[in-house]
Amino acid sequence: MTKSFMDEIGPERAQELVAEAVRKAIEELHAAGLPAIQGDGNGRVYKLYPDGSKVYIEEE
């Protein structure tokens, strides 16, 4: 039986790859002047703008 990609690289490496892809995507959004959608530790969702400002979705 063939191992899945996840089995081959392991969960830790998979998490590293996902985290790096997300960092790059956020960098690209910010370079284009667009916000990234993120969440805080309390489950609230916000737009994070390139200047570091946050606008919570329910505040719009």
C-alpha atoms as a PDB file:
ATOM      1  CA  MET A   1       0.000   0.000   0.000  1.00  0.00           C
ATOM      2  CA  THR A   2       1.295   3.450  -0.913  1.00  0.00           C
ATOM      3  CA  LYS A   3       1.768   5.990   1.867  1.00  0.00           C
ATOM      4  CA  SER A   4      -0.127   9.248   1.630  1.00  0.00           C
ATOM      5  CA  PHE A   5       1.795  12.488   1.305  1.00  0.00           C
ATOM      6  CA  MET A   6       0.893  13.299   4.929  1.00  0.00           C
ATOM      7  CA  ASP A   7       2.238   9.946   6.091  1.00  0.00           C
ATOM      8  CA  GLU A   8       5.450  10.506   4.171  1.00  0.00           C
ATOM      9  CA  ILE A   9       6.209  13.990   5.517  1.00  0.00           C
ATOM     10  CA  GLY A  10       4.537  13.727   8.931  1.00  0.00           C
ATOM     11  CA  PRO A  11       2.147  16.117  10.634  1.00  0.00           C
ATOM     12  CA  GLU A  12       4.835  18.493  11.912  1.00  0.00           C
ATOM     13  CA  ARG A  13       6.290  19.085   8.445  1.00  0.00           C
ATOM     14  CA  ALA A  14       2.796  19.446   6.976  1.00  0.00           C
ATOM     15  CA  GLN A  15       2.023  22.146   9.553  1.00  0.00           C
ATOM     16  CA  GLU A  16       5.268  23.954   8.665  1.00  0.00           C
ATOM     17  CA  LEU A  17       4.373  23.905   4.967  1.00  0.00           C
ATOM     18  CA  VAL A  18       0.860  25.229   5.608  1.00  0.00           C
ATOM     19  CA  ALA A  19       2.137  27.990   7.908  1.00  0.00           C
ATOM     20  CA  GLU A  20       4.702  29.120   5.327  1.00  0.00           C
ATOM     21  CA  ALA A  21       2.073  29.148   2.562  1.00  0.00           C
ATOM     22  CA  VAL A  22      -0.231  31.274   4.723  1.00  0.00           C
ATOM     23  CA  ARG A  23       2.596  33.730   5.542  1.00  0.00           C
ATOM     24  CA  LYS A  24       3.382  34.102   1.848  1.00  0.00           C
ATOM     25  CA  ALA A  25      -0.292  34.603   0.945  1.00  0.00           C
ATOM     26  CA  ILE A  26      -0.642  37.337   3.578  1.00  0.00           C
ATOM     27  CA  GLU A  27       2.531  39.025   2.314  1.00  0.00           C
ATOM     28  CA  GLU A  28       1.119  39.011  -1.230  1.00  0.00           C
ATOM     29  CA  LEU A  29      -2.206  40.455  -0.087  1.00  0.00           C
ATOM     30  CA  HIS A  30      -0.492  43.207   1.884  1.00  0.00           C
ATOM     31  CA  ALA A  31       1.886  43.981  -0.990  1.00  0.00           C
ATOM     32  CA  ALA A  32      -1.210  44.556  -3.131  1.00  0.00           C
ATOM     33  CA  GLY A  33      -2.675  46.841  -0.443  1.00  0.00           C
ATOM     34  CA  LEU A  34      -5.362  44.328   0.528  1.00  0.00           C
ATOM     35  CA  PRO A  35      -6.312  43.115   3.995  1.00  0.00           C
ATOM     36  CA  ALA A  36      -5.961  39.551   5.191  1.00  0.00           C
ATOM     37  CA  ILE A  37      -8.826  37.961   7.098  1.00  0.00           C
ATOM     38  CA  GLN A  38      -7.755  36.616  10.485  1.00  0.00           C
ATOM     39  CA  GLY A  39      -9.204  35.627  13.825  1.00  0.00           C
ATOM     40  CA  ASP A  40      -8.287  36.537  17.361  1.00  0.00           C
ATOM     41  CA  GLY A  41      -8.109  34.256  20.391  1.00  0.00           C
ATOM     42  CA  ASN A  42     -11.713  35.046  21.269  1.00  0.00           C
ATOM     43  CA  GLY A  43     -13.189  33.760  18.009  1.00  0.00           C
ATOM     44  CA  ARG A  44     -13.735  37.206  16.505  1.00  0.00           C
ATOM     45  CA  VAL A  45     -12.870  37.700  12.827  1.00  0.00           C
ATOM     46  CA  TYR A  46     -11.110  40.815  11.564  1.00  0.00           C
ATOM     47  CA  LYS A  47      -9.422  42.327   8.534  1.00  0.00           C
ATOM     48  CA  LEU A  48      -5.718  42.947   9.081  1.00  0.00           C
ATOM     49  CA  TYR A  49      -4.533  45.778   6.855  1.00  0.00           C
ATOM     50  CA  PRO A  50      -0.964  46.244   5.594  1.00  0.00           C
ATOM     51  CA  ASP A  51      -0.416  49.106   8.093  1.00  0.00           C
ATOM     52  CA  GLY A  52      -1.232  46.752  10.971  1.00  0.00           C
ATOM     53  CA  SER A  53      -4.687  48.140  11.699  1.00  0.00           C
ATOM     54  CA  LYS A  54      -7.519  45.735  12.467  1.00  0.00           C
ATOM     55  CA  VAL A  55     -11.177  46.142  11.590  1.00  0.00           C
ATOM     56  CA  TYR A  56     -13.449  43.576  13.168  1.00  0.00           C
ATOM     57  CA  ILE A  57     -16.035  42.260  10.731  1.00  0.00           C
ATOM     58  CA  GLU A  58     -19.007  43.007  13.002  1.00  0.00           C
ATOM     59  CA  GLU A  59     -17.843  46.648  13.245  1.00  0.00           C
ATOM     60  CA  GLU A  60     -18.319  47.314   9.521  1.00  0.00           C
END
